[in-house]
PDB file of N, CA and C in Angstrom:
ATOM      1  N   MET A   1       0.852  -1.181   0.000  1.00  0.00           N
ATOM      2  CA  MET A   1       0.000   0.000   0.000  1.00  0.00           C
ATOM      3  C   MET A   1       0.890   1.234   0.000  1.00  0.00           C
ATOM      4  N   LYS A   2       0.405   2.266  -0.625  1.00  0.00           N
ATOM      5  CA  LYS A   2       1.169   3.501  -0.742  1.00  0.00           C
ATOM      6  C   LYS A   2       1.313   4.224   0.588  1.00  0.00           C
ATOM      7  N   LYS A   3       2.345   5.015   0.674  1.00  0.00           N
ATOM      8  CA  LYS A   3       2.574   5.875   1.834  1.00  0.00           C
ATOM      9  C   LYS A   3       1.442   6.911   1.884  1.00  0.00           C
ATOM     10  N   ASN A   4       1.033   7.314   3.064  1.00  0.00           N
ATOM     11  CA  ASN A   4      -0.030   8.290   3.297  1.00  0.00           C
ATOM     12  C   ASN A   4      -1.425   7.758   2.994  1.00  0.00           C
ATOM     13  N   VAL A   5      -1.575   6.443   2.730  1.00  0.00           N
ATOM     14  CA  VAL A   5      -2.886   5.858   2.437  1.00  0.00           C
ATOM     15  C   VAL A   5      -3.212   4.827   3.501  1.00  0.00           C
ATOM     16  N   GLU A   6      -4.400   4.941   4.062  1.00  0.00           N
ATOM     17  CA  GLU A   6      -4.875   4.005   5.082  1.00  0.00           C
ATOM     18  C   GLU A   6      -6.154   3.350   4.568  1.00  0.00           C
ATOM     19  N   VAL A   7      -6.270   2.024   4.729  1.00  0.00           N
ATOM     20  CA  VAL A   7      -7.425   1.271   4.253  1.00  0.00           C
ATOM     21  C   VAL A   7      -7.908   0.365   5.376  1.00  0.00           C
ATOM     22  N   TRP A   8      -9.229   0.351   5.623  1.00  0.00           N
ATOM     23  CA  TRP A   8      -9.768  -0.529   6.653  1.00  0.00           C
ATOM     24  C   TRP A   8     -11.222  -0.875   6.367  1.00  0.00           C
ATOM     25  N   ALA A   9     -11.621  -2.063   6.806  1.00  0.00           N
ATOM     26  CA  ALA A   9     -13.019  -2.500   6.705  1.00  0.00           C
ATOM     27  C   ALA A   9     -13.773  -1.927   7.897  1.00  0.00           C
ATOM     28  N   ASP A  10     -15.032  -1.613   7.680  1.00  0.00           N
ATOM     29  CA  ASP A  10     -15.832  -0.983   8.727  1.00  0.00           C
ATOM     30  C   ASP A  10     -17.303  -1.302   8.467  1.00  0.00           C
ATOM     31  N   TYR A  11     -18.160  -0.816   9.321  1.00  0.00           N
ATOM     32  CA  TYR A  11     -19.607  -0.882   9.124  1.00  0.00           C
ATOM     33  C   TYR A  11     -20.144   0.531   9.262  1.00  0.00           C
ATOM     34  N   ASP A  12     -21.073   0.900   8.365  1.00  0.00           N
ATOM     35  CA  ASP A  12     -21.648   2.236   8.480  1.00  0.00           C
ATOM     36  C   ASP A  12     -22.664   2.253   9.618  1.00  0.00           C
ATOM     37  N   ARG A  13     -23.289   3.389   9.851  1.00  0.00           N
ATOM     38  CA  ARG A  13     -24.186   3.501  11.005  1.00  0.00           C
ATOM     39  C   ARG A  13     -25.453   2.660  10.860  1.00  0.00           C
ATOM     40  N   ASN A  14     -25.698   2.106   9.653  1.00  0.00           N
ATOM     41  CA  ASN A  14     -26.834   1.204   9.444  1.00  0.00           C
ATOM     42  C   ASN A  14     -26.418  -0.262   9.497  1.00  0.00           C
ATOM     43  N   GLY A  15     -25.162  -0.513   9.834  1.00  0.00           N
ATOM     44  CA  GLY A  15     -24.671  -1.879   9.956  1.00  0.00           C
ATOM     45  C   GLY A  15     -24.261  -2.509   8.639  1.00  0.00           C
ATOM     46  N   ARG A  16     -24.151  -1.724   7.582  1.00  0.00           N
ATOM     47  CA  ARG A  16     -23.773  -2.225   6.263  1.00  0.00           C
ATOM     48  C   ARG A  16     -22.252  -2.192   6.143  1.00  0.00           C
ATOM     49  N   TRP A  17     -21.658  -3.309   5.672  1.00  0.00           N
ATOM     50  CA  TRP A  17     -20.208  -3.403   5.519  1.00  0.00           C
ATOM     51  C   TRP A  17     -19.728  -2.366   4.504  1.00  0.00           C
ATOM     52  N   CYS A  18     -18.565  -1.779   4.786  1.00  0.00           N
ATOM     53  CA  CYS A  18     -17.960  -0.840   3.840  1.00  0.00           C
ATOM     54  C   CYS A  18     -16.446  -0.900   3.971  1.00  0.00           C
ATOM     55  N   LEU A  19     -15.795  -0.374   2.964  1.00  0.00           N
ATOM     56  CA  LEU A  19     -14.342  -0.290   2.942  1.00  0.00           C
ATOM     57  C   LEU A  19     -13.990   1.184   2.947  1.00  0.00           C
ATOM     58  N   ARG A  20     -13.215   1.610   3.925  1.00  0.00           N
ATOM     59  CA  ARG A  20     -12.843   3.016   4.063  1.00  0.00           C
ATOM     60  C   ARG A  20     -11.404   3.206   3.579  1.00  0.00           C
ATOM     61  N   VAL A  21     -11.192   4.294   2.861  1.00  0.00           N
ATOM     62  CA  VAL A  21      -9.873   4.606   2.319  1.00  0.00           C
ATOM     63  C   VAL A  21      -9.602   6.077   2.585  1.00  0.00           C
ATOM     64  N   GLN A  22      -8.436   6.361   3.162  1.00  0.00           N
ATOM     65  CA  GLN A  22      -8.084   7.744   3.455  1.00  0.00           C
ATOM     66  C   GLN A  22      -6.666   8.023   2.997  1.00  0.00           C
ATOM     67  N   LYS A  23      -6.498   9.193   2.385  1.00  0.00           N
ATOM     68  CA  LYS A  23      -5.184   9.653   1.940  1.00  0.00           C
ATOM     69  C   LYS A  23      -4.907  10.951   2.679  1.00  0.00           C
ATOM     70  N   SER A  24      -3.843  10.980   3.462  1.00  0.00           N
ATOM     71  CA  SER A  24      -3.575  12.143   4.303  1.00  0.00           C
ATOM     72  C   SER A  24      -3.106  13.362   3.512  1.00  0.00           C
ATOM     73  N   LYS A  25      -2.459  13.141   2.368  1.00  0.00           N
ATOM     74  CA  LYS A  25      -1.977  14.263   1.546  1.00  0.00           C
ATOM     75  C   LYS A  25      -2.357  14.009   0.099  1.00  0.00           C
ATOM     76  N   GLY A  26      -2.871  15.036  -0.551  1.00  0.00           N
ATOM     77  CA  GLY A  26      -3.226  14.915  -1.967  1.00  0.00           C
ATOM     78  C   GLY A  26      -4.594  14.309  -2.167  1.00  0.00           C
ATOM     79  N   LYS A  27      -4.922  14.081  -3.422  1.00  0.00           N
ATOM     80  CA  LYS A  27      -6.216  13.534  -3.815  1.00  0.00           C
ATOM     81  C   LYS A  27      -6.025  12.195  -4.500  1.00  0.00           C
ATOM     82  N   PHE A  28      -7.019  11.310  -4.361  1.00  0.00           N
ATOM     83  CA  PHE A  28      -7.001  10.036  -5.059  1.00  0.00           C
ATOM     84  C   PHE A  28      -7.331  10.241  -6.534  1.00  0.00           C
ATOM     85  N   THR A  29      -6.782   9.370  -7.367  1.00  0.00           N
ATOM     86  CA  THR A  29      -7.232   9.281  -8.746  1.00  0.00           C
ATOM     87  C   THR A  29      -8.147   8.065  -8.829  1.00  0.00           C
ATOM     88  N   LEU A  30      -8.945   7.999  -9.859  1.00  0.00           N
ATOM     89  CA  LEU A  30      -9.831   6.854 -10.039  1.00  0.00           C
ATOM     90  C   LEU A  30      -9.022   5.565 -10.165  1.00  0.00           C
ATOM     91  N   ASP A  31      -7.914   5.615 -10.885  1.00  0.00           N
ATOM     92  CA  ASP A  31      -7.059   4.429 -11.031  1.00  0.00           C
ATOM     93  C   ASP A  31      -6.524   3.951  -9.681  1.00  0.00           C
ATOM     94  N   GLU A  32      -6.137   4.886  -8.819  1.00  0.00           N
ATOM     95  CA  GLU A  32      -5.656   4.512  -7.480  1.00  0.00           C
ATOM     96  C   GLU A  32      -6.757   3.816  -6.696  1.00  0.00           C
ATOM     97  N   LEU A  33      -7.961   4.367  -6.747  1.00  0.00           N
ATOM     98  CA  LEU A  33      -9.077   3.790  -5.998  1.00  0.00           C
ATOM     99  C   LEU A  33      -9.420   2.382  -6.482  1.00  0.00           C
ATOM    100  N   ILE A  34      -9.399   2.190  -7.781  1.00  0.00           N
ATOM    101  CA  ILE A  34      -9.675   0.861  -8.339  1.00  0.00           C
ATOM    102  C   ILE A  34      -8.620  -0.134  -7.869  1.00  0.00           C
ATOM    103  N   LYS A  35      -7.358   0.271  -7.905  1.00  0.00           N
ATOM    104  CA  LYS A  35      -6.267  -0.616  -7.483  1.00  0.00           C
ATOM    105  C   LYS A  35      -6.381  -0.951  -5.989  1.00  0.00           C
ATOM    106  N   ILE A  36      -6.675   0.044  -5.168  1.00  0.00           N
ATOM    107  CA  ILE A  36      -6.807  -0.176  -3.723  1.00  0.00           C
ATOM    108  C   ILE A  36      -7.936  -1.162  -3.430  1.00  0.00           C
ATOM    109  N   ALA A  37      -9.085  -0.955  -4.051  1.00  0.00           N
ATOM    110  CA  ALA A  37     -10.231  -1.841  -3.811  1.00  0.00           C
ATOM    111  C   ALA A  37      -9.936  -3.262  -4.286  1.00  0.00           C
ATOM    112  N   ALA A  38      -9.310  -3.398  -5.446  1.00  0.00           N
ATOM    113  CA  ALA A  38      -8.988  -4.728  -5.980  1.00  0.00           C
ATOM    114  C   ALA A  38      -7.964  -5.447  -5.109  1.00  0.00           C
ATOM    115  N   GLU A  39      -7.005  -4.697  -4.555  1.00  0.00           N
ATOM    116  CA  GLU A  39      -6.016  -5.310  -3.660  1.00  0.00           C
ATOM    117  C   GLU A  39      -6.657  -5.777  -2.368  1.00  0.00           C
ATOM    118  N   TRP A  40      -7.680  -5.064  -1.915  1.00  0.00           N
ATOM    119  CA  TRP A  40      -8.366  -5.469  -0.684  1.00  0.00           C
ATOM    120  C   TRP A  40      -9.127  -6.768  -0.934  1.00  0.00           C
ATOM    121  N   GLU A  41      -9.989  -6.738  -1.958  1.00  0.00           N
ATOM    122  CA  GLU A  41     -10.741  -7.924  -2.354  1.00  0.00           C
ATOM    123  C   GLU A  41     -11.377  -7.634  -3.710  1.00  0.00           C
ATOM    124  N   GLU A  42     -11.134  -8.514  -4.664  1.00  0.00           N
ATOM    125  CA  GLU A  42     -11.737  -8.322  -5.971  1.00  0.00           C
ATOM    126  C   GLU A  42     -13.236  -8.517  -5.849  1.00  0.00           C
ATOM    127  N   ASP A  43     -13.991  -7.496  -6.194  1.00  0.00           N
ATOM    128  CA  ASP A  43     -15.443  -7.495  -6.047  1.00  0.00           C
ATOM    129  C   ASP A  43     -15.978  -6.342  -6.879  1.00  0.00           C
ATOM    130  N   MET A  44     -17.267  -6.152  -6.881  1.00  0.00           N
ATOM    131  CA  MET A  44     -17.897  -4.998  -7.515  1.00  0.00           C
ATOM    132  C   MET A  44     -18.215  -4.015  -6.400  1.00  0.00           C
ATOM    133  N   TYR A  45     -17.731  -2.786  -6.512  1.00  0.00           N
ATOM    134  CA  TYR A  45     -17.917  -1.789  -5.469  1.00  0.00           C
ATOM    135  C   TYR A  45     -18.713  -0.593  -5.986  1.00  0.00           C
ATOM    136  N   ALA A  46     -19.402   0.042  -5.083  1.00  0.00           N
ATOM    137  CA  ALA A  46     -20.103   1.295  -5.364  1.00  0.00           C
ATOM    138  C   ALA A  46     -19.500   2.358  -4.463  1.00  0.00           C
ATOM    139  N   VAL A  47     -19.365   3.553  -5.002  1.00  0.00           N
ATOM    140  CA  VAL A  47     -18.852   4.672  -4.232  1.00  0.00           C
ATOM    141  C   VAL A  47     -19.949   5.719  -4.171  1.00  0.00           C
ATOM    142  N   VAL A  48     -20.254   6.192  -2.974  1.00  0.00           N
ATOM    143  CA  VAL A  48     -21.248   7.233  -2.800  1.00  0.00           C
ATOM    144  C   VAL A  48     -20.518   8.565  -2.802  1.00  0.00           C
ATOM    145  N   ILE A  49     -20.981   9.477  -3.636  1.00  0.00           N
ATOM    146  CA  ILE A  49     -20.337  10.779  -3.763  1.00  0.00           C
ATOM    147  C   ILE A  49     -21.122  11.807  -2.973  1.00  0.00           C
ATOM    148  N   LYS A  50     -20.432  12.509  -2.107  1.00  0.00           N
ATOM    149  CA  LYS A  50     -21.051  13.576  -1.319  1.00  0.00           C
ATOM    150  C   LYS A  50     -20.978  14.856  -2.136  1.00  0.00           C
ATOM    151  N   ALA A  51     -22.119  15.286  -2.672  1.00  0.00           N
ATOM    152  CA  ALA A  51     -22.179  16.489  -3.506  1.00  0.00           C
ATOM    153  C   ALA A  51     -23.082  17.504  -2.813  1.00  0.00           C
ATOM    154  N   ILE A  52     -22.568  18.071  -1.734  1.00  0.00           N
ATOM    155  CA  ILE A  52     -23.343  18.967  -0.881  1.00  0.00           C
ATOM    156  C   ILE A  52     -22.564  20.262  -0.712  1.00  0.00           C
ATOM    157  N   SER A  53     -23.247  21.384  -0.871  1.00  0.00           N
ATOM    158  CA  SER A  53     -22.581  22.671  -0.674  1.00  0.00           C
ATOM    159  C   SER A  53     -22.353  22.914   0.817  1.00  0.00           C
ATOM    160  N   GLY A  54     -21.422  23.808   1.123  1.00  0.00           N
ATOM    161  CA  GLY A  54     -21.043  24.089   2.505  1.00  0.00           C
ATOM    162  C   GLY A  54     -22.192  24.494   3.409  1.00  0.00           C
ATOM    163  N   ASP A  55     -23.150  25.251   2.892  1.00  0.00           N
ATOM    164  CA  ASP A  55     -24.262  25.696   3.745  1.00  0.00           C
ATOM    165  C   ASP A  55     -25.265  24.584   4.040  1.00  0.00           C
ATOM    166  N   MET A  56     -25.210  23.476   3.321  1.00  0.00           N
ATOM    167  CA  MET A  56     -26.113  22.345   3.566  1.00  0.00           C
ATOM    168  C   MET A  56     -25.495  21.288   4.476  1.00  0.00           C
ATOM    169  N   GLU A  57     -24.193  21.400   4.744  1.00  0.00           N
ATOM    170  CA  GLU A  57     -23.487  20.400   5.552  1.00  0.00           C
ATOM    171  C   GLU A  57     -24.129  20.174   6.914  1.00  0.00           C
ATOM    172  N   GLN A  58     -24.728  21.198   7.476  1.00  0.00           N
ATOM    173  CA  GLN A  58     -25.321  21.094   8.810  1.00  0.00           C
ATOM    174  C   GLN A  58     -26.452  20.071   8.879  1.00  0.00           C
ATOM    175  N   TYR A  59     -27.045  19.726   7.744  1.00  0.00           N
ATOM    176  CA  TYR A  59     -28.175  18.795   7.717  1.00  0.00           C
ATOM    177  C   TYR A  59     -27.763  17.346   7.537  1.00  0.00           C
ATOM    178  N   PHE A  60     -26.467  17.105   7.418  1.00  0.00           N
ATOM    179  CA  PHE A  60     -25.988  15.753   7.208  1.00  0.00           C
ATOM    180  C   PHE A  60     -25.053  15.359   8.338  1.00  0.00           C
ATOM    181  N   ASP A  61     -25.292  14.180   8.895  1.00  0.00           N
ATOM    182  CA  ASP A  61     -24.489  13.660  10.003  1.00  0.00           C
ATOM    183  C   ASP A  61     -23.254  12.994   9.413  1.00  0.00           C
ATOM    184  N   ASP A  62     -22.226  13.781   9.202  1.00  0.00           N
ATOM    185  CA  ASP A  62     -21.026  13.295   8.552  1.00  0.00           C
ATOM    186  C   ASP A  62     -19.818  13.804   9.320  1.00  0.00           C
ATOM    187  N   VAL A  63     -18.758  13.037   9.304  1.00  0.00           N
ATOM    188  CA  VAL A  63     -17.538  13.433   9.996  1.00  0.00           C
ATOM    189  C   VAL A  63     -16.502  13.827   8.959  1.00  0.00           C
ATOM    190  N   ASP A  64     -15.891  14.994   9.134  1.00  0.00           N
ATOM    191  CA  ASP A  64     -14.827  15.413   8.230  1.00  0.00           C
ATOM    192  C   ASP A  64     -13.546  14.717   8.658  1.00  0.00           C
ATOM    193  N   MET A  65     -13.060  13.827   7.822  1.00  0.00           N
ATOM    194  CA  MET A  65     -11.889  13.027   8.155  1.00  0.00           C
ATOM    195  C   MET A  65     -10.583  13.734   7.808  1.00  0.00           C
ATOM    196  N   GLY A  66     -10.634  14.832   7.063  1.00  0.00           N
ATOM    197  CA  GLY A  66      -9.408  15.481   6.634  1.00  0.00           C
ATOM    198  C   GLY A  66      -8.767  14.713   5.497  1.00  0.00           C
ATOM    199  N   GLY A  67      -8.027  15.384   4.646  1.00  0.00           N
ATOM    200  CA  GLY A  67      -7.428  14.725   3.494  1.00  0.00           C
ATOM    201  C   GLY A  67      -8.496  14.234   2.544  1.00  0.00           C
ATOM    202  N   ASP A  68      -8.163  13.273   1.719  1.00  0.00           N
ATOM    203  CA  ASP A  68      -9.121  12.688   0.792  1.00  0.00           C
ATOM    204  C   ASP A  68      -9.637  11.406   1.423  1.00  0.00           C
ATOM    205  N   TYR A  69     -10.947  11.237   1.446  1.00  0.00           N
ATOM    206  CA  TYR A  69     -11.580  10.135   2.162  1.00  0.00           C
ATOM    207  C   TYR A  69     -12.678   9.543   1.291  1.00  0.00           C
ATOM    208  N   VAL A  70     -12.668   8.210   1.114  1.00  0.00           N
ATOM    209  CA  VAL A  70     -13.637   7.539   0.252  1.00  0.00           C
ATOM    210  C   VAL A  70     -14.184   6.318   0.983  1.00  0.00           C
ATOM    211  N   THR A  71     -15.481   6.082   0.816  1.00  0.00           N
ATOM    212  CA  THR A  71     -16.120   4.885   1.357  1.00  0.00           C
ATOM    213  C   THR A  71     -16.647   4.057   0.195  1.00  0.00           C
ATOM    214  N   PHE A  72     -16.245   2.785   0.155  1.00  0.00           N
ATOM    215  CA  PHE A  72     -16.725   1.834  -0.845  1.00  0.00           C
ATOM    216  C   PHE A  72     -17.769   0.940  -0.189  1.00  0.00           C
ATOM    217  N   TYR A  73     -18.803   0.605  -0.948  1.00  0.00           N
ATOM    218  CA  TYR A  73     -19.783  -0.400  -0.527  1.00  0.00           C
ATOM    219  C   TYR A  73     -19.765  -1.514  -1.560  1.00  0.00           C
ATOM    220  N   ARG A  74     -20.077  -2.737  -1.136  1.00  0.00           N
ATOM    221  CA  ARG A  74     -20.227  -3.820  -2.104  1.00  0.00           C
ATOM    222  C   ARG A  74     -21.458  -3.520  -2.947  1.00  0.00           C
ATOM    223  N   ALA A  75     -21.289  -3.461  -4.234  1.00  0.00           N
ATOM    224  CA  ALA A  75     -22.406  -3.147  -5.124  1.00  0.00           C
ATOM    225  C   ALA A  75     -23.511  -4.188  -5.001  1.00  0.00           C
ATOM    226  N   THR A  76     -23.144  -5.426  -4.727  1.00  0.00           N
ATOM    227  CA  THR A  76     -24.151  -6.482  -4.609  1.00  0.00           C
ATOM    228  C   THR A  76     -25.062  -6.286  -3.405  1.00  0.00           C
ATOM    229  N   ASP A  77     -24.656  -5.452  -2.441  1.00  0.00           N
ATOM    230  CA  ASP A  77     -25.523  -5.153  -1.301  1.00  0.00           C
ATOM    231  C   ASP A  77     -26.671  -4.237  -1.710  1.00  0.00           C
ATOM    232  N   PHE A  78     -26.538  -3.570  -2.847  1.00  0.00           N
ATOM    233  CA  PHE A  78     -27.549  -2.618  -3.297  1.00  0.00           C
ATOM    234  C   PHE A  78     -28.311  -3.092  -4.529  1.00  0.00           C
ATOM    235  N   LEU A  79     -27.719  -3.999  -5.274  1.00  0.00           N
ATOM    236  CA  LEU A  79     -28.332  -4.463  -6.505  1.00  0.00           C
ATOM    237  C   LEU A  79     -29.030  -5.789  -6.300  1.00  0.00           C
ATOM    238  N   THR A  80     -30.170  -5.945  -6.905  1.00  0.00           N
ATOM    239  CA  THR A  80     -30.841  -7.241  -6.890  1.00  0.00           C
ATOM    240  C   THR A  80     -30.981  -7.703  -8.326  1.00  0.00           C
ATOM    241  N   TYR A  81     -30.741  -8.950  -8.533  1.00  0.00           N
ATOM    242  CA  TYR A  81     -30.838  -9.521  -9.861  1.00  0.00           C
ATOM    243  C   TYR A  81     -32.118 -10.329  -9.938  1.00  0.00           C
ATOM    244  N   GLN A  82     -32.884 -10.069 -10.965  1.00  0.00           N
ATOM    245  CA  GLN A  82     -34.139 -10.800 -11.162  1.00  0.00           C
ATOM    246  C   GLN A  82     -34.055 -11.572 -12.459  1.00  0.00           C
ATOM    247  N   LYS A  83     -34.689 -12.748 -12.435  1.00  0.00           N
ATOM    248  CA  LYS A  83     -34.753 -13.514 -13.667  1.00  0.00           C
ATOM    249  C   LYS A  83     -35.580 -12.720 -14.667  1.00  0.00           C
ATOM    250  N   GLU A  84     -35.175 -12.835 -15.903  1.00  0.00           N
ATOM    251  CA  GLU A  84     -35.928 -12.145 -16.945  1.00  0.00           C
ATOM    252  C   GLU A  84     -37.277 -12.811 -17.092  1.00  0.00           C
ATOM    253  N   LYS A  85     -38.317 -12.024 -17.058  1.00  0.00           N
ATOM    254  CA  LYS A  85     -39.671 -12.561 -17.192  1.00  0.00           C
ATOM    255  C   LYS A  85     -39.972 -12.781 -18.672  1.00  0.00           C
ATOM    256  N   PRO A  86     -40.629 -13.914 -18.996  1.00  0.00           N
ATOM    257  CA  PRO A  86     -40.984 -14.124 -20.395  1.00  0.00           C
ATOM    258  C   PRO A  86     -42.037 -13.117 -20.832  1.00  0.00           C
ATOM    259  N   PRO A  87     -41.992 -12.702 -22.096  1.00  0.00           N
ATOM    260  CA  PRO A  87     -42.994 -11.741 -22.564  1.00  0.00           C
ATOM    261  C   PRO A  87     -44.391 -12.317 -22.486  1.00  0.00           C
ATOM    262  N   THR A  88     -45.340 -11.468 -22.164  1.00  0.00           N
ATOM    263  CA  THR A  88     -46.736 -11.909 -22.100  1.00  0.00           C
ATOM    264  C   THR A  88     -47.448 -11.505 -23.370  1.00  0.00           C
ATOM    265  N   ALA A  89     -48.427 -12.303 -23.744  1.00  0.00           N
ATOM    266  CA  ALA A  89     -49.152 -12.040 -25.000  1.00  0.00           C
ATOM    267  C   ALA A  89     -50.242 -11.015 -24.827  1.00  0.00           C
TER     268      ALA A  89
END
């Protein structure tokens, strides 16, 4: 693992498994994030993007971790696969 990067498994406040990644200096690139997740465990991951302006932050229970911080979730925890239904006449 790279210097200044910390990776750990955790559970969010709803008890859902997640993978936390923090970089103390600089920003992650998408390629770095893909490599980190694959090194942890090859799987399909989803990343939730926090797109909230500063004045709205007060309405969200979030902790500022400092540096660049990303939470991965297993995509299969959110996706359900259904058998294809045959067409009806």
